[in-house]
Amino acid sequence: MFLIIASAAALSATAPVHNAEISHAANAYQASYETASTVRFQQVEPRFASRPTTPVCRWQAELVVNRGVMAQGRPIAAIAKPIHRFAPIAGTHAGSCDAARSQVSAEIARYSEARSAEALTVAQQDRAALLSELDGIHSLSVKGG
């Protein structure tokens, strides 16, 4: 058997999970949390000497909870980051990756929906970590101390 990689591609999607307003050191911050999924596709075609080929689509998806923070309408990149990664999922579909995209998207949507309560819990529990990071930034910005 001889494998030929025909194509490789990626697909991503996001969904809001939670928003929180935080007051710290006389500043108001808005934290937003969203799940983000990234899917990698790889199409392979097994080649046999005497048989026709049928492509196979292999895919792997990662789902993370991302935190974004804004103050006075501006994003704060220093504390925007992924705060939780779920276990990746993977699968294969007979046929081309273009034909399998809708099926894969549906599988990922079900996976994301099944973990929505956990994503919300992770986002709500991030408050203490975010306050700690804001303390660190505030202590660096205080002059003469």
N, C-alpha and C. Protein backbone atom coordinates (compact mmCIF):
# COMPACT_ATOMS: atom_id res chain seq x y z
N MET A 1 0.85 -1.17 0.00
CA MET A 1 0.00 0.00 0.00
C MET A 1 0.90 1.24 0.00
N PHE A 2 0.51 2.23 -0.76
CA PHE A 2 1.27 3.46 -0.90
C PHE A 2 0.32 4.62 -0.61
N LEU A 3 0.66 5.48 0.36
CA LEU A 3 -0.22 6.59 0.73
C LEU A 3 0.22 7.89 0.08
N ILE A 4 -0.73 8.61 -0.44
CA ILE A 4 -0.46 9.93 -1.00
C ILE A 4 -1.34 10.94 -0.26
N ILE A 5 -0.73 11.99 0.27
CA ILE A 5 -1.50 13.04 0.91
C ILE A 5 -2.01 13.97 -0.17
N ALA A 6 -3.31 14.07 -0.28
CA ALA A 6 -3.89 14.91 -1.33
C ALA A 6 -4.10 16.35 -0.87
N SER A 7 -4.48 16.52 0.39
CA SER A 7 -4.70 17.88 0.88
C SER A 7 -4.66 17.90 2.40
N ALA A 8 -4.39 19.08 2.92
CA ALA A 8 -4.45 19.31 4.37
C ALA A 8 -5.02 20.71 4.56
N ALA A 9 -5.92 20.85 5.51
CA ALA A 9 -6.56 22.14 5.73
C ALA A 9 -6.96 22.27 7.19
N ALA A 10 -7.33 23.47 7.59
CA ALA A 10 -7.79 23.73 8.95
C ALA A 10 -9.08 24.53 8.91
N LEU A 11 -9.88 24.38 9.94
CA LEU A 11 -11.15 25.06 10.07
C LEU A 11 -11.29 25.47 11.53
N SER A 12 -11.81 26.66 11.80
CA SER A 12 -11.99 27.07 13.20
C SER A 12 -13.34 27.73 13.39
N ALA A 13 -13.83 27.67 14.65
CA ALA A 13 -15.11 28.28 15.00
C ALA A 13 -15.07 28.69 16.47
N THR A 14 -15.86 29.71 16.83
CA THR A 14 -15.92 30.15 18.22
C THR A 14 -17.37 30.28 18.66
N ALA A 15 -17.57 30.20 19.99
CA ALA A 15 -18.91 30.38 20.57
C ALA A 15 -18.75 31.03 21.94
N PRO A 16 -19.53 32.08 22.24
CA PRO A 16 -19.43 32.74 23.54
C PRO A 16 -19.87 31.82 24.67
N VAL A 17 -19.21 31.95 25.84
CA VAL A 17 -19.53 31.11 26.99
C VAL A 17 -20.00 31.95 28.17
N HIS A 18 -19.26 33.04 28.47
CA HIS A 18 -19.52 33.79 29.70
C HIS A 18 -18.90 35.18 29.59
N ASN A 19 -19.52 36.16 30.24
CA ASN A 19 -18.97 37.51 30.36
C ASN A 19 -18.99 37.90 31.83
N ALA A 20 -17.97 38.65 32.26
CA ALA A 20 -17.90 39.09 33.65
C ALA A 20 -17.32 40.50 33.70
N GLU A 21 -17.84 41.29 34.62
CA GLU A 21 -17.28 42.62 34.87
C GLU A 21 -16.53 42.56 36.18
N ILE A 22 -15.31 43.08 36.18
CA ILE A 22 -14.44 43.02 37.34
C ILE A 22 -13.91 44.41 37.64
N SER A 23 -14.01 44.81 38.91
CA SER A 23 -13.42 46.07 39.35
C SER A 23 -12.13 45.74 40.08
N HIS A 24 -11.07 46.43 39.70
CA HIS A 24 -9.77 46.17 40.32
C HIS A 24 -8.94 47.44 40.26
N ALA A 25 -8.41 47.87 41.40
CA ALA A 25 -7.52 49.04 41.48
C ALA A 25 -8.14 50.24 40.77
N ALA A 26 -9.39 50.51 41.07
CA ALA A 26 -10.12 51.66 40.52
C ALA A 26 -10.32 51.59 39.02
N ASN A 27 -10.19 50.42 38.42
CA ASN A 27 -10.44 50.23 36.99
C ASN A 27 -11.54 49.19 36.81
N ALA A 28 -12.29 49.35 35.74
CA ALA A 28 -13.32 48.38 35.39
C ALA A 28 -12.82 47.56 34.20
N TYR A 29 -12.94 46.25 34.33
CA TYR A 29 -12.50 45.34 33.27
C TYR A 29 -13.69 44.49 32.83
N GLN A 30 -13.71 44.16 31.56
CA GLN A 30 -14.72 43.25 31.03
C GLN A 30 -13.98 42.00 30.53
N ALA A 31 -14.31 40.88 31.13
CA ALA A 31 -13.71 39.61 30.72
C ALA A 31 -14.75 38.86 29.89
N SER A 32 -14.34 38.35 28.76
CA SER A 32 -15.23 37.55 27.93
C SER A 32 -14.57 36.20 27.69
N TYR A 33 -15.37 35.17 27.71
CA TYR A 33 -14.88 33.81 27.53
C TYR A 33 -15.62 33.18 26.37
N GLU A 34 -14.89 32.43 25.57
CA GLU A 34 -15.51 31.74 24.43
C GLU A 34 -14.80 30.43 24.21
N THR A 35 -15.55 29.48 23.68
CA THR A 35 -14.91 28.23 23.25
C THR A 35 -14.47 28.43 21.80
N ALA A 36 -13.33 27.88 21.49
CA ALA A 36 -12.81 27.95 20.13
C ALA A 36 -12.41 26.54 19.71
N SER A 37 -12.87 26.14 18.57
CA SER A 37 -12.48 24.83 18.05
C SER A 37 -11.65 25.01 16.79
N THR A 38 -10.64 24.19 16.69
CA THR A 38 -9.79 24.17 15.51
C THR A 38 -9.75 22.75 14.98
N VAL A 39 -10.02 22.60 13.70
CA VAL A 39 -10.05 21.27 13.09
C VAL A 39 -8.99 21.20 12.00
N ARG A 40 -8.25 20.12 12.01
CA ARG A 40 -7.27 19.87 10.95
C ARG A 40 -7.73 18.67 10.14
N PHE A 41 -7.74 18.89 8.84
CA PHE A 41 -8.14 17.82 7.92
C PHE A 41 -6.92 17.33 7.16
N GLN A 42 -6.92 16.05 6.88
CA GLN A 42 -5.87 15.47 6.03
C GLN A 42 -6.53 14.40 5.16
N GLN A 43 -6.43 14.60 3.89
CA GLN A 43 -7.02 13.64 2.95
C GLN A 43 -5.92 12.75 2.39
N VAL A 44 -6.12 11.46 2.49
CA VAL A 44 -5.15 10.50 1.97
C VAL A 44 -5.84 9.56 0.99
N GLU A 45 -5.05 9.05 0.08
CA GLU A 45 -5.56 8.10 -0.89
C GLU A 45 -4.67 6.87 -0.91
N PRO A 46 -5.18 5.74 -0.44
CA PRO A 46 -4.38 4.52 -0.53
C PRO A 46 -4.30 4.09 -1.99
N ARG A 47 -3.13 3.73 -2.43
CA ARG A 47 -2.92 3.32 -3.83
C ARG A 47 -2.54 1.85 -3.87
N PHE A 48 -3.35 1.10 -4.58
CA PHE A 48 -3.06 -0.30 -4.80
C PHE A 48 -2.85 -0.50 -6.30
N ALA A 49 -2.02 -1.43 -6.65
CA ALA A 49 -1.67 -1.63 -8.05
C ALA A 49 -2.88 -2.00 -8.91
N SER A 50 -3.78 -2.80 -8.40
CA SER A 50 -4.86 -3.30 -9.24
C SER A 50 -6.25 -2.83 -8.82
N ARG A 51 -6.36 -1.87 -7.92
CA ARG A 51 -7.68 -1.42 -7.47
C ARG A 51 -7.83 0.10 -7.63
N PRO A 52 -9.06 0.55 -7.83
CA PRO A 52 -9.29 2.00 -7.88
C PRO A 52 -9.11 2.60 -6.48
N THR A 53 -8.81 3.88 -6.43
CA THR A 53 -8.57 4.53 -5.14
C THR A 53 -9.84 5.20 -4.62
N THR A 54 -9.97 5.21 -3.32
CA THR A 54 -11.04 5.94 -2.63
C THR A 54 -10.37 6.81 -1.59
N PRO A 55 -10.58 8.12 -1.64
CA PRO A 55 -9.95 8.98 -0.64
C PRO A 55 -10.54 8.75 0.75
N VAL A 56 -9.72 9.02 1.75
CA VAL A 56 -10.13 8.93 3.14
C VAL A 56 -9.78 10.26 3.81
N CYS A 57 -10.73 10.81 4.52
CA CYS A 57 -10.51 12.07 5.23
C CYS A 57 -10.25 11.77 6.70
N ARG A 58 -9.09 12.18 7.17
CA ARG A 58 -8.74 12.07 8.59
C ARG A 58 -8.83 13.47 9.18
N TRP A 59 -9.38 13.59 10.38
CA TRP A 59 -9.50 14.90 11.01
C TRP A 59 -9.22 14.81 12.50
N GLN A 60 -8.79 15.92 13.06
CA GLN A 60 -8.58 16.04 14.49
C GLN A 60 -9.03 17.44 14.92
N ALA A 61 -9.78 17.51 16.02
CA ALA A 61 -10.29 18.79 16.51
C ALA A 61 -9.83 19.03 17.93
N GLU A 62 -9.52 20.29 18.21
CA GLU A 62 -9.17 20.73 19.55
C GLU A 62 -10.19 21.78 19.98
N LEU A 63 -10.60 21.73 21.23
CA LEU A 63 -11.55 22.69 21.78
C LEU A 63 -10.93 23.33 23.01
N VAL A 64 -10.90 24.66 23.03
CA VAL A 64 -10.32 25.40 24.16
C VAL A 64 -11.29 26.48 24.62
N VAL A 65 -11.11 26.90 25.87
CA VAL A 65 -11.83 28.06 26.39
C VAL A 65 -10.82 29.20 26.43
N ASN A 66 -11.11 30.26 25.70
CA ASN A 66 -10.23 31.43 25.63
C ASN A 66 -10.80 32.57 26.47
N ARG A 67 -9.89 33.33 27.07
CA ARG A 67 -10.26 34.51 27.85
C ARG A 67 -9.80 35.75 27.10
N GLY A 68 -10.67 36.73 27.00
CA GLY A 68 -10.32 38.05 26.47
C GLY A 68 -10.68 39.09 27.52
N VAL A 69 -9.84 40.10 27.69
CA VAL A 69 -10.10 41.13 28.71
C VAL A 69 -9.97 42.50 28.06
N MET A 70 -10.91 43.37 28.40
CA MET A 70 -10.89 44.74 27.90
C MET A 70 -10.99 45.71 29.07
N ALA A 71 -10.33 46.85 28.91
CA ALA A 71 -10.43 47.95 29.87
C ALA A 71 -10.57 49.23 29.07
N GLN A 72 -11.55 50.02 29.38
CA GLN A 72 -11.82 51.27 28.68
C GLN A 72 -11.94 51.05 27.17
N GLY A 73 -12.57 49.95 26.79
CA GLY A 73 -12.80 49.66 25.38
C GLY A 73 -11.60 49.13 24.62
N ARG A 74 -10.49 48.90 25.30
CA ARG A 74 -9.28 48.40 24.64
C ARG A 74 -8.93 47.01 25.15
N PRO A 75 -8.56 46.11 24.24
CA PRO A 75 -8.16 44.77 24.69
C PRO A 75 -6.82 44.80 25.40
N ILE A 76 -6.68 43.94 26.39
CA ILE A 76 -5.42 43.80 27.12
C ILE A 76 -4.82 42.45 26.73
N ALA A 77 -3.89 42.50 25.80
CA ALA A 77 -3.32 41.28 25.24
C ALA A 77 -2.51 40.47 26.25
N ALA A 78 -1.95 41.14 27.27
CA ALA A 78 -1.09 40.46 28.23
C ALA A 78 -1.83 39.39 29.03
N ILE A 79 -3.13 39.50 29.17
CA ILE A 79 -3.87 38.51 29.97
C ILE A 79 -4.96 37.79 29.17
N ALA A 80 -4.96 37.98 27.87
CA ALA A 80 -5.86 37.22 27.00
C ALA A 80 -5.15 35.92 26.65
N LYS A 81 -5.82 34.79 26.93
CA LYS A 81 -5.15 33.52 26.69
C LYS A 81 -6.14 32.36 26.78
N PRO A 82 -5.71 31.19 26.31
CA PRO A 82 -6.51 29.98 26.54
C PRO A 82 -6.41 29.61 28.02
N ILE A 83 -7.53 29.32 28.66
CA ILE A 83 -7.49 28.95 30.08
C ILE A 83 -7.80 27.48 30.31
N HIS A 84 -8.30 26.79 29.29
CA HIS A 84 -8.61 25.36 29.45
C HIS A 84 -8.62 24.69 28.08
N ARG A 85 -8.04 23.51 28.03
CA ARG A 85 -8.07 22.70 26.81
C ARG A 85 -8.79 21.39 27.10
N PHE A 86 -9.75 21.06 26.27
CA PHE A 86 -10.44 19.79 26.39
C PHE A 86 -9.64 18.73 25.65
N ALA A 87 -9.93 17.48 25.92
CA ALA A 87 -9.27 16.38 25.21
C ALA A 87 -9.61 16.49 23.72
N PRO A 88 -8.61 16.33 22.86
CA PRO A 88 -8.90 16.40 21.41
C PRO A 88 -9.75 15.21 20.96
N ILE A 89 -10.47 15.42 19.89
CA ILE A 89 -11.23 14.33 19.27
C ILE A 89 -10.74 14.16 17.84
N ALA A 90 -10.92 12.97 17.31
CA ALA A 90 -10.45 12.68 15.95
C ALA A 90 -11.36 11.64 15.32
N GLY A 91 -11.27 11.55 14.01
CA GLY A 91 -12.06 10.56 13.30
C GLY A 91 -11.64 10.46 11.85
N THR A 92 -12.29 9.56 11.14
CA THR A 92 -12.07 9.39 9.71
C THR A 92 -13.43 9.26 9.01
N HIS A 93 -13.45 9.68 7.77
CA HIS A 93 -14.64 9.53 6.93
C HIS A 93 -14.19 9.05 5.56
N ALA A 94 -14.93 8.13 4.99
CA ALA A 94 -14.64 7.69 3.63
C ALA A 94 -15.04 8.81 2.68
N GLY A 95 -14.20 9.08 1.73
CA GLY A 95 -14.48 10.13 0.77
C GLY A 95 -13.61 11.34 1.01
N SER A 96 -13.86 12.37 0.25
CA SER A 96 -13.03 13.57 0.33
C SER A 96 -13.34 14.37 1.59
N CYS A 97 -12.38 15.19 2.02
CA CYS A 97 -12.58 16.06 3.18
C CYS A 97 -13.63 17.12 2.90
N ASP A 98 -13.71 17.59 1.66
CA ASP A 98 -14.74 18.57 1.31
C ASP A 98 -16.14 18.00 1.54
N ALA A 99 -16.32 16.73 1.19
CA ALA A 99 -17.62 16.09 1.37
C ALA A 99 -17.91 15.80 2.84
N ALA A 100 -16.87 15.63 3.65
CA ALA A 100 -17.04 15.27 5.06
C ALA A 100 -17.16 16.47 5.99
N ARG A 101 -16.90 17.67 5.50
CA ARG A 101 -16.86 18.85 6.38
C ARG A 101 -18.14 19.05 7.19
N SER A 102 -19.29 18.90 6.57
CA SER A 102 -20.54 19.12 7.31
C SER A 102 -20.73 18.07 8.40
N GLN A 103 -20.37 16.82 8.13
CA GLN A 103 -20.47 15.76 9.14
C GLN A 103 -19.50 16.03 10.29
N VAL A 104 -18.29 16.44 9.96
CA VAL A 104 -17.29 16.73 10.99
C VAL A 104 -17.74 17.94 11.81
N SER A 105 -18.24 18.97 11.16
CA SER A 105 -18.73 20.15 11.88
C SER A 105 -19.86 19.78 12.84
N ALA A 106 -20.74 18.88 12.43
CA ALA A 106 -21.83 18.44 13.30
C ALA A 106 -21.29 17.66 14.50
N GLU A 107 -20.29 16.81 14.28
CA GLU A 107 -19.68 16.07 15.39
C GLU A 107 -19.03 17.01 16.39
N ILE A 108 -18.34 18.02 15.89
CA ILE A 108 -17.66 18.97 16.76
C ILE A 108 -18.68 19.82 17.51
N ALA A 109 -19.77 20.18 16.86
CA ALA A 109 -20.83 20.94 17.53
C ALA A 109 -21.43 20.13 18.67
N ARG A 110 -21.65 18.83 18.45
CA ARG A 110 -22.16 17.97 19.53
C ARG A 110 -21.16 17.87 20.67
N TYR A 111 -19.88 17.72 20.34
CA TYR A 111 -18.82 17.64 21.35
C TYR A 111 -18.77 18.93 22.16
N SER A 112 -18.82 20.07 21.48
CA SER A 112 -18.78 21.36 22.15
C SER A 112 -20.01 21.55 23.04
N GLU A 113 -21.17 21.20 22.55
CA GLU A 113 -22.40 21.32 23.33
C GLU A 113 -22.36 20.44 24.57
N ALA A 114 -21.81 19.25 24.45
CA ALA A 114 -21.71 18.33 25.59
C ALA A 114 -20.77 18.87 26.66
N ARG A 115 -19.86 19.74 26.29
CA ARG A 115 -18.91 20.31 27.25
C ARG A 115 -19.22 21.75 27.62
N SER A 116 -20.37 22.25 27.22
CA SER A 116 -20.70 23.65 27.49
C SER A 116 -20.82 23.95 28.98
N ALA A 117 -21.36 23.06 29.76
CA ALA A 117 -21.48 23.29 31.20
C ALA A 117 -20.09 23.33 31.84
N GLU A 118 -19.21 22.45 31.42
CA GLU A 118 -17.84 22.46 31.93
C GLU A 118 -17.10 23.74 31.52
N ALA A 119 -17.32 24.19 30.29
CA ALA A 119 -16.70 25.43 29.81
C ALA A 119 -17.19 26.62 30.64
N LEU A 120 -18.47 26.66 30.96
CA LEU A 120 -19.02 27.74 31.79
C LEU A 120 -18.41 27.71 33.19
N THR A 121 -18.29 26.53 33.77
CA THR A 121 -17.69 26.39 35.11
C THR A 121 -16.25 26.86 35.11
N VAL A 122 -15.49 26.46 34.09
CA VAL A 122 -14.08 26.88 33.97
C VAL A 122 -14.00 28.40 33.87
N ALA A 123 -14.87 29.00 33.07
CA ALA A 123 -14.87 30.45 32.89
C ALA A 123 -15.21 31.17 34.21
N GLN A 124 -16.20 30.66 34.92
CA GLN A 124 -16.59 31.29 36.18
C GLN A 124 -15.50 31.14 37.24
N GLN A 125 -14.79 30.04 37.23
CA GLN A 125 -13.72 29.81 38.21
C GLN A 125 -12.44 30.57 37.88
N ASP A 126 -12.37 31.18 36.73
CA ASP A 126 -11.17 31.91 36.32
C ASP A 126 -11.04 33.26 37.02
N ARG A 127 -12.06 33.71 37.68
CA ARG A 127 -12.04 35.04 38.31
C ARG A 127 -10.84 35.23 39.23
N ALA A 128 -10.55 34.25 40.08
CA ALA A 128 -9.42 34.38 41.02
C ALA A 128 -8.09 34.47 40.28
N ALA A 129 -7.92 33.67 39.24
CA ALA A 129 -6.68 33.72 38.46
C ALA A 129 -6.55 35.06 37.74
N LEU A 130 -7.66 35.56 37.20
CA LEU A 130 -7.63 36.85 36.52
C LEU A 130 -7.29 37.98 37.50
N LEU A 131 -7.88 37.96 38.68
CA LEU A 131 -7.57 38.98 39.68
C LEU A 131 -6.09 38.92 40.08
N SER A 132 -5.55 37.74 40.19
CA SER A 132 -4.13 37.58 40.51
C SER A 132 -3.26 38.18 39.41
N GLU A 133 -3.62 37.94 38.16
CA GLU A 133 -2.86 38.50 37.04
C GLU A 133 -2.98 40.02 37.00
N LEU A 134 -4.18 40.54 37.30
CA LEU A 134 -4.35 41.99 37.36
C LEU A 134 -3.53 42.59 38.50
N ASP A 135 -3.44 41.89 39.64
CA ASP A 135 -2.58 42.34 40.75
C ASP A 135 -1.13 42.45 40.29
N GLY A 136 -0.67 41.44 39.55
CA GLY A 136 0.70 41.45 39.05
C GLY A 136 0.96 42.61 38.11
N ILE A 137 0.03 42.87 37.22
CA ILE A 137 0.18 43.99 36.29
C ILE A 137 0.15 45.31 37.05
N HIS A 138 -0.75 45.42 38.03
CA HIS A 138 -0.87 46.66 38.80
C HIS A 138 0.41 46.91 39.61
N SER A 139 0.98 45.86 40.20
CA SER A 139 2.19 46.04 40.99
C SER A 139 3.37 46.46 40.12
N LEU A 140 3.38 46.02 38.87
CA LEU A 140 4.45 46.44 37.95
C LEU A 140 4.28 47.89 37.51
N SER A 141 3.04 48.35 37.48
CA SER A 141 2.80 49.71 36.99
C SER A 141 2.86 50.77 38.08
N VAL A 142 2.88 50.35 39.35
CA VAL A 142 2.95 51.32 40.45
C VAL A 142 4.37 51.89 40.51
N LYS A 143 4.45 53.19 40.52
CA LYS A 143 5.75 53.86 40.54
C LYS A 143 6.26 54.04 41.96
N GLY A 144 7.58 53.98 42.12
CA GLY A 144 8.23 54.26 43.40
C GLY A 144 8.07 53.15 44.41
N GLY A 145 7.59 51.98 44.00
CA GLY A 145 7.35 50.94 44.97
C GLY A 145 8.26 49.82 44.81
